Amino acid sequence: MRRQEKEITDRNLIDSIIRKSLVCRIALYDGEMPYIVPLSFGYDGTSIYLHSATEGRKIDILKTHPQVCFEFEADCEVIPAERACSFTMRYRSVIGYGSAHFLENSEEKLGAIRIILNQYTDKIFTMTKQDVVNIAVVRVDIDQIAGKQSRFNRDV
């Protein structure tokens, strides 16, 4: 990372940023053009879980090119200034790389959906195998991950 003073190396803080995030953006590449898509997600500390319709551009790309880049942000705030070029942002972000795997087993899919739901609610839902038959569930195994922050404690 170019700006070492902004790097987050504490894995607990990285995990906290992910858990605070509302959206996971995944970047895909089909060999011709980059494609980025915002998704709801779940996180278990080693993998990111996503769900989707079973068809579409994202699914087609992932089947051919399972390598993804992902991004999260939290604690974002614009810091205005008197001069236009002095505006800045306060933020924490996480960027990483991983490989996507489609979950086919109904029990694995149910478990992943529970992880996704836990990202957004403490409510317990009853689900059946039939509930997940018509959706795609993807596990992104994290290969690399890094955090960055600006305008927090050490770099204000």
Protein backbone atom coordinates (compact mmCIF):
# COMPACT_ATOMS: atom_id res chain seq x y z
CA MET A 1 0.00 0.00 0.00
CA ARG A 2 1.42 3.36 -1.01
CA ARG A 3 0.27 5.27 2.09
CA GLN A 4 1.41 2.99 4.92
CA GLU A 5 -0.06 5.31 7.57
CA LYS A 6 -3.54 4.55 6.20
CA GLU A 7 -3.13 0.77 6.13
CA ILE A 8 -5.19 -1.33 8.51
CA THR A 9 -3.32 -4.48 9.53
CA ASP A 10 -5.48 -5.46 12.51
CA ARG A 11 -7.66 -8.34 11.27
CA ASN A 12 -10.25 -7.65 13.98
CA LEU A 13 -10.70 -4.10 12.64
CA ILE A 14 -10.93 -5.42 9.06
CA ASP A 15 -13.62 -7.88 10.19
CA SER A 16 -15.44 -5.06 12.01
CA ILE A 17 -15.52 -2.94 8.84
CA ILE A 18 -16.98 -5.83 6.86
CA ARG A 19 -19.62 -6.50 9.52
CA LYS A 20 -20.61 -2.79 9.56
CA SER A 21 -20.96 -2.66 5.78
CA LEU A 22 -24.34 -2.88 4.11
CA VAL A 23 -23.11 -3.72 0.62
CA CYS A 24 -20.40 -5.88 -0.88
CA ARG A 25 -19.24 -4.84 -4.32
CA ILE A 26 -17.71 -7.55 -6.42
CA ALA A 27 -15.71 -6.81 -9.51
CA LEU A 28 -15.72 -9.35 -12.30
CA TYR A 29 -13.94 -9.53 -15.63
CA ASP A 30 -15.23 -11.48 -18.60
CA GLY A 31 -12.13 -11.03 -20.74
CA GLU A 32 -13.50 -7.97 -22.50
CA MET A 33 -14.81 -5.55 -19.94
CA PRO A 34 -14.79 -5.09 -16.16
CA TYR A 35 -18.16 -5.43 -14.43
CA ILE A 36 -18.92 -4.42 -10.85
CA VAL A 37 -22.08 -5.26 -8.96
CA PRO A 38 -23.32 -4.34 -5.47
CA LEU A 39 -24.77 -7.22 -3.48
CA SER A 40 -26.12 -8.10 -0.08
CA PHE A 41 -23.77 -10.54 1.60
CA GLY A 42 -22.80 -12.60 4.60
CA TYR A 43 -19.36 -13.05 6.15
CA ASP A 44 -18.03 -15.79 8.41
CA GLY A 45 -14.44 -14.62 8.87
CA THR A 46 -12.95 -16.63 6.01
CA SER A 47 -15.49 -16.42 3.20
CA ILE A 48 -18.09 -14.06 1.79
CA TYR A 49 -21.49 -15.46 0.85
CA LEU A 50 -23.67 -14.03 -1.90
CA HIS A 51 -27.03 -15.00 -3.33
CA SER A 52 -28.53 -14.30 -6.70
CA ALA A 53 -30.94 -15.38 -9.37
CA THR A 54 -29.66 -18.46 -11.17
CA GLU A 55 -29.24 -16.64 -14.48
CA GLY A 56 -27.72 -13.37 -15.61
CA ARG A 57 -24.50 -11.66 -16.55
CA LYS A 58 -22.89 -12.02 -13.10
CA ILE A 59 -23.62 -15.77 -13.02
CA ASP A 60 -22.32 -16.27 -16.57
CA ILE A 61 -19.06 -14.47 -15.77
CA LEU A 62 -18.52 -16.30 -12.47
CA LYS A 63 -18.95 -19.68 -14.15
CA THR A 64 -16.18 -18.83 -16.62
CA HIS A 65 -13.96 -16.55 -14.51
CA PRO A 66 -14.41 -17.28 -10.79
CA GLN A 67 -11.69 -14.85 -9.64
CA VAL A 68 -13.21 -11.72 -8.07
CA CYS A 69 -12.18 -8.53 -6.37
CA PHE A 70 -14.43 -7.35 -3.54
CA GLU A 71 -14.86 -4.08 -1.67
CA PHE A 72 -16.56 -2.88 1.52
CA GLU A 73 -16.69 0.51 3.20
CA ALA A 74 -17.92 1.85 6.51
CA ASP A 75 -17.79 5.01 8.61
CA CYS A 76 -17.83 7.24 5.52
CA GLU A 77 -18.20 10.98 5.91
CA VAL A 78 -17.47 13.98 3.69
CA ILE A 79 -15.23 16.56 5.36
CA PRO A 80 -15.99 19.89 3.68
CA ALA A 81 -13.48 22.69 3.36
CA GLU A 82 -13.36 26.33 2.33
CA ARG A 83 -11.33 25.52 -0.80
CA ALA A 84 -12.61 23.11 -3.44
CA CYS A 85 -9.46 20.99 -3.58
CA SER A 86 -9.33 20.72 0.21
CA PHE A 87 -12.49 18.61 0.55
CA THR A 88 -11.69 15.13 1.80
CA MET A 89 -13.32 11.97 3.09
CA ARG A 90 -13.24 10.10 6.35
CA TYR A 91 -13.63 6.38 5.71
CA ARG A 92 -12.61 2.83 6.38
CA SER A 93 -12.53 0.32 3.55
CA VAL A 94 -11.57 -3.24 2.80
CA ILE A 95 -10.50 -4.60 -0.56
CA GLY A 96 -9.59 -8.17 -1.33
CA TYR A 97 -9.42 -10.95 -3.84
CA GLY A 98 -10.90 -14.39 -3.86
CA SER A 99 -12.35 -17.21 -5.85
CA ALA A 100 -16.07 -17.87 -6.22
CA HIS A 101 -17.62 -21.30 -5.77
CA PHE A 102 -21.24 -22.15 -6.43
CA LEU A 103 -22.87 -24.07 -3.59
CA GLU A 104 -25.00 -26.90 -4.91
CA ASN A 105 -25.83 -28.85 -1.77
CA SER A 106 -29.10 -27.67 -0.18
CA GLU A 107 -27.71 -27.88 3.36
CA GLU A 108 -24.68 -25.75 2.38
CA LYS A 109 -26.97 -23.26 0.68
CA LEU A 110 -29.23 -23.05 3.74
CA GLY A 111 -26.21 -22.44 5.97
CA ALA A 112 -24.95 -19.70 3.66
CA ILE A 113 -28.35 -18.00 3.56
CA ARG A 114 -28.37 -17.98 7.36
CA ILE A 115 -24.94 -16.28 7.33
CA ILE A 116 -26.28 -13.68 4.88
CA LEU A 117 -29.37 -13.06 7.03
CA ASN A 118 -27.16 -12.69 10.14
CA GLN A 119 -25.41 -9.77 8.43
CA TYR A 120 -28.66 -7.80 8.50
CA THR A 121 -30.83 -9.13 11.32
CA ASP A 122 -30.80 -11.10 14.55
CA LYS A 123 -34.18 -12.61 13.69
CA ILE A 124 -34.20 -16.38 13.23
CA PHE A 125 -36.00 -17.63 10.13
CA THR A 126 -37.20 -21.12 9.40
CA MET A 127 -36.15 -22.22 5.94
CA THR A 128 -36.57 -25.42 4.02
CA LYS A 129 -34.47 -27.01 1.32
CA GLN A 130 -37.18 -25.95 -1.13
CA ASP A 131 -36.62 -22.30 -0.16
CA VAL A 132 -33.16 -22.35 -1.76
CA VAL A 133 -33.82 -24.50 -4.81
CA ASN A 134 -34.32 -21.62 -7.22
CA ILE A 135 -31.50 -19.34 -6.10
CA ALA A 136 -27.78 -19.36 -6.71
CA VAL A 137 -25.59 -19.18 -3.63
CA VAL A 138 -21.92 -18.33 -4.03
CA ARG A 139 -19.09 -18.65 -1.53
CA VAL A 140 -16.10 -16.41 -2.18
CA ASP A 141 -13.03 -17.85 -0.48
CA ILE A 142 -10.75 -14.97 0.48
CA ASP A 143 -7.21 -15.19 -0.88
CA GLN A 144 -6.01 -11.67 -0.02
CA ILE A 145 -7.50 -8.89 2.07
CA ALA A 146 -6.36 -5.41 3.09
CA GLY A 147 -7.87 -2.49 4.96
CA LYS A 148 -7.42 1.25 4.62
CA GLN A 149 -8.64 4.21 6.64
CA SER A 150 -8.42 7.96 6.43
CA ARG A 151 -9.06 10.62 9.07
CA PHE A 152 -9.11 8.21 11.99
CA ASN A 153 -6.91 8.50 15.10
CA ARG A 154 -3.41 8.17 13.72
CA ASP A 155 -3.88 10.05 10.44
CA VAL A 156 -6.18 12.98 11.31
